[in-house]
């Protein structure tokens, strides 16, 4: 049996088919990556916000001591991981609110700590113009991009 070589037209046709298939796959892959990052952003925001609320509840219940002029929210995100001294424990063993601080998945670099990838809003800051202050009341993504739902990530 004799093998026959491929003609120039057959090669071009095959390459054209592969290129056409690749152009259909690339947007799907990009959409899939964006959805994954958005899911991670939602999960990370929920995790940090739950920890912030748990810290505030511990302060309200007297488990974590706070200065009289403080809001009751943590002074930094790192304290959620490093722990706050238990005011009701004679040995003042720390209470931990997070195992680790998640990064903002929308932040593109690796040059900042996880805490520095988030925008922070203090208790004294208005919701429409969040600013950092002496405590952390809420966190948000600093990305200016819009999500697949049309809402900017920094408003999630």
Protein backbone atom coordinates (compact mmCIF):
# COMPACT_ATOMS: atom_id res chain seq x y z
CA UNK A 1 0.00 0.00 0.00
CA UNK A 2 1.39 3.29 -1.02
CA UNK A 3 1.09 6.29 1.29
CA UNK A 4 0.18 9.53 -0.26
CA UNK A 5 1.40 12.91 0.91
CA UNK A 6 -0.86 15.74 1.94
CA UNK A 7 -1.57 18.38 -0.61
CA UNK A 8 -1.07 22.04 0.09
CA UNK A 9 -4.85 22.61 0.03
CA UNK A 10 -5.47 19.84 2.58
CA UNK A 11 -2.90 21.33 4.97
CA UNK A 12 -4.36 24.85 4.62
CA UNK A 13 -7.88 23.47 5.11
CA UNK A 14 -6.81 21.58 8.27
CA UNK A 15 -5.03 24.63 9.68
CA UNK A 16 -8.09 26.78 8.94
CA UNK A 17 -10.38 24.34 10.78
CA UNK A 18 -8.05 24.22 13.81
CA UNK A 19 -7.80 28.04 13.87
CA UNK A 20 -11.58 28.36 13.66
CA UNK A 21 -12.02 25.94 16.56
CA UNK A 22 -9.40 27.82 18.59
CA UNK A 23 -11.19 31.14 18.11
CA UNK A 24 -14.35 29.56 19.45
CA UNK A 25 -12.57 28.08 22.50
CA UNK A 26 -10.58 31.16 23.61
CA UNK A 27 -13.61 33.29 24.64
CA UNK A 28 -15.06 30.32 26.51
CA UNK A 29 -11.80 29.83 28.43
CA UNK A 30 -11.60 33.56 29.26
CA UNK A 31 -15.22 33.50 30.47
CA UNK A 32 -14.51 30.43 32.56
CA UNK A 33 -11.47 32.08 34.20
CA UNK A 34 -13.48 35.24 34.93
CA UNK A 35 -16.31 33.22 36.50
CA UNK A 36 -13.84 31.35 38.68
CA UNK A 37 -12.25 34.60 39.89
CA UNK A 38 -15.68 36.12 40.57
CA UNK A 39 -16.72 33.08 42.61
CA UNK A 40 -13.49 33.34 44.57
CA UNK A 41 -14.07 37.07 45.13
CA UNK A 42 -17.57 36.42 46.49
CA UNK A 43 -16.28 33.66 48.78
CA UNK A 44 -13.35 35.76 50.06
CA UNK A 45 -15.56 38.80 50.72
CA UNK A 46 -18.04 36.63 52.63
CA UNK A 47 -15.25 35.00 54.65
CA UNK A 48 -13.65 38.32 55.66
CA UNK A 49 -16.98 40.03 56.37
CA UNK A 50 -18.08 37.10 58.55
CA UNK A 51 -14.81 37.36 60.50
CA UNK A 52 -15.25 41.14 60.91
CA UNK A 53 -18.76 40.56 62.28
CA UNK A 54 -17.50 37.81 64.62
CA UNK A 55 -14.81 40.15 65.96
CA UNK A 56 -17.43 42.88 66.56
CA UNK A 57 -19.69 40.37 68.34
CA UNK A 58 -16.77 39.25 70.54
CA UNK A 59 -16.15 42.89 71.48
CA UNK A 60 -19.85 43.46 72.19
CA UNK A 61 -19.92 40.37 74.44
CA UNK A 62 -16.79 41.49 76.31
CA UNK A 63 -14.66 38.60 75.06
CA UNK A 64 -12.27 40.97 73.29
CA UNK A 65 -11.36 44.19 75.09
CA UNK A 66 -11.45 47.50 73.25
CA UNK A 67 -10.62 51.12 74.03
CA UNK A 68 -13.62 53.21 75.07
CA UNK A 69 -13.38 55.45 72.00
CA UNK A 70 -13.25 52.52 69.52
CA UNK A 71 -16.08 51.27 67.28
CA UNK A 72 -15.60 47.63 68.19
CA UNK A 73 -14.31 46.63 64.76
CA UNK A 74 -10.72 45.39 64.40
CA UNK A 75 -7.92 47.92 63.92
CA UNK A 76 -6.52 45.85 61.02
CA UNK A 77 -7.28 42.76 58.95
CA UNK A 78 -4.16 41.05 60.27
CA UNK A 79 -5.60 40.83 63.80
CA UNK A 80 -8.25 38.45 62.47
CA UNK A 81 -5.46 35.97 61.72
CA UNK A 82 -2.96 36.91 64.45
CA UNK A 83 -5.66 36.75 67.11
CA UNK A 84 -7.00 39.10 69.77
CA UNK A 85 -6.41 38.44 73.50
CA UNK A 86 -9.38 36.81 75.22
CA UNK A 87 -10.37 39.27 77.96
CA UNK A 88 -12.26 36.52 79.83
CA UNK A 89 -9.31 34.12 79.90
CA UNK A 90 -6.87 34.60 82.84
CA UNK A 91 -3.99 33.62 80.51
CA UNK A 92 -5.24 35.98 77.76
CA UNK A 93 -4.89 33.31 75.08
CA UNK A 94 -5.75 34.74 71.66
CA UNK A 95 -9.03 34.20 69.83
CA UNK A 96 -8.58 33.66 66.10
CA UNK A 97 -11.21 34.73 63.58
CA UNK A 98 -9.52 33.54 60.36
CA UNK A 99 -6.98 30.80 59.62
CA UNK A 100 -5.51 32.90 56.84
CA UNK A 101 -6.40 36.14 55.16
CA UNK A 102 -7.49 35.54 51.56
CA UNK A 103 -6.19 37.75 48.77
CA UNK A 104 -8.36 39.76 46.42
CA UNK A 105 -8.43 37.52 43.31
CA UNK A 106 -8.93 40.59 41.12
CA UNK A 107 -5.60 42.05 42.25
CA UNK A 108 -3.08 41.26 39.52
CA UNK A 109 0.26 41.44 41.34
CA UNK A 110 2.03 39.38 43.98
CA UNK A 111 3.98 42.28 45.45
CA UNK A 112 1.53 43.10 48.27
CA UNK A 113 0.44 41.24 51.38
CA UNK A 114 -3.06 39.76 51.33
CA UNK A 115 -4.35 42.57 53.55
CA UNK A 116 -3.00 45.23 51.20
CA UNK A 117 -4.84 43.78 48.17
CA UNK A 118 -8.18 44.86 49.69
CA UNK A 119 -9.73 48.28 49.93
CA UNK A 120 -10.80 48.99 53.50
CA UNK A 121 -13.67 51.04 54.86
CA UNK A 122 -13.64 52.34 58.41
CA UNK A 123 -16.73 52.59 60.58
CA UNK A 124 -16.66 56.40 60.33
CA UNK A 125 -16.53 56.32 56.53
CA UNK A 126 -19.67 56.92 54.41
CA UNK A 127 -20.76 53.97 52.24
CA UNK A 128 -20.63 55.93 48.98
CA UNK A 129 -17.07 57.13 49.66
CA UNK A 130 -15.21 54.43 51.61
CA UNK A 131 -12.00 55.49 53.32
CA UNK A 132 -9.51 53.78 55.60
CA UNK A 133 -9.42 54.84 59.22
CA UNK A 134 -8.61 53.55 62.69
CA UNK A 135 -10.65 50.35 62.21
CA UNK A 136 -11.84 47.99 59.47
CA UNK A 137 -15.62 47.93 59.12
CA UNK A 138 -15.74 46.45 55.60
CA UNK A 139 -13.54 45.39 52.69
CA UNK A 140 -13.95 45.70 48.94
CA UNK A 141 -12.03 44.90 45.78
CA UNK A 142 -9.94 47.76 44.47
CA UNK A 143 -10.47 46.59 40.89
CA UNK A 144 -12.20 49.12 38.65
CA UNK A 145 -13.37 46.43 36.22
CA UNK A 146 -16.99 45.38 35.90
CA UNK A 147 -18.19 41.89 36.66
CA UNK A 148 -20.11 39.69 34.27
CA UNK A 149 -23.28 41.02 35.93
CA UNK A 150 -22.35 44.61 34.98
CA UNK A 151 -21.61 45.70 38.58
CA UNK A 152 -18.06 46.98 39.27
CA UNK A 153 -16.09 44.61 41.52
CA UNK A 154 -15.44 47.40 44.02
CA UNK A 155 -19.20 47.56 44.69
CA UNK A 156 -19.66 43.86 45.51
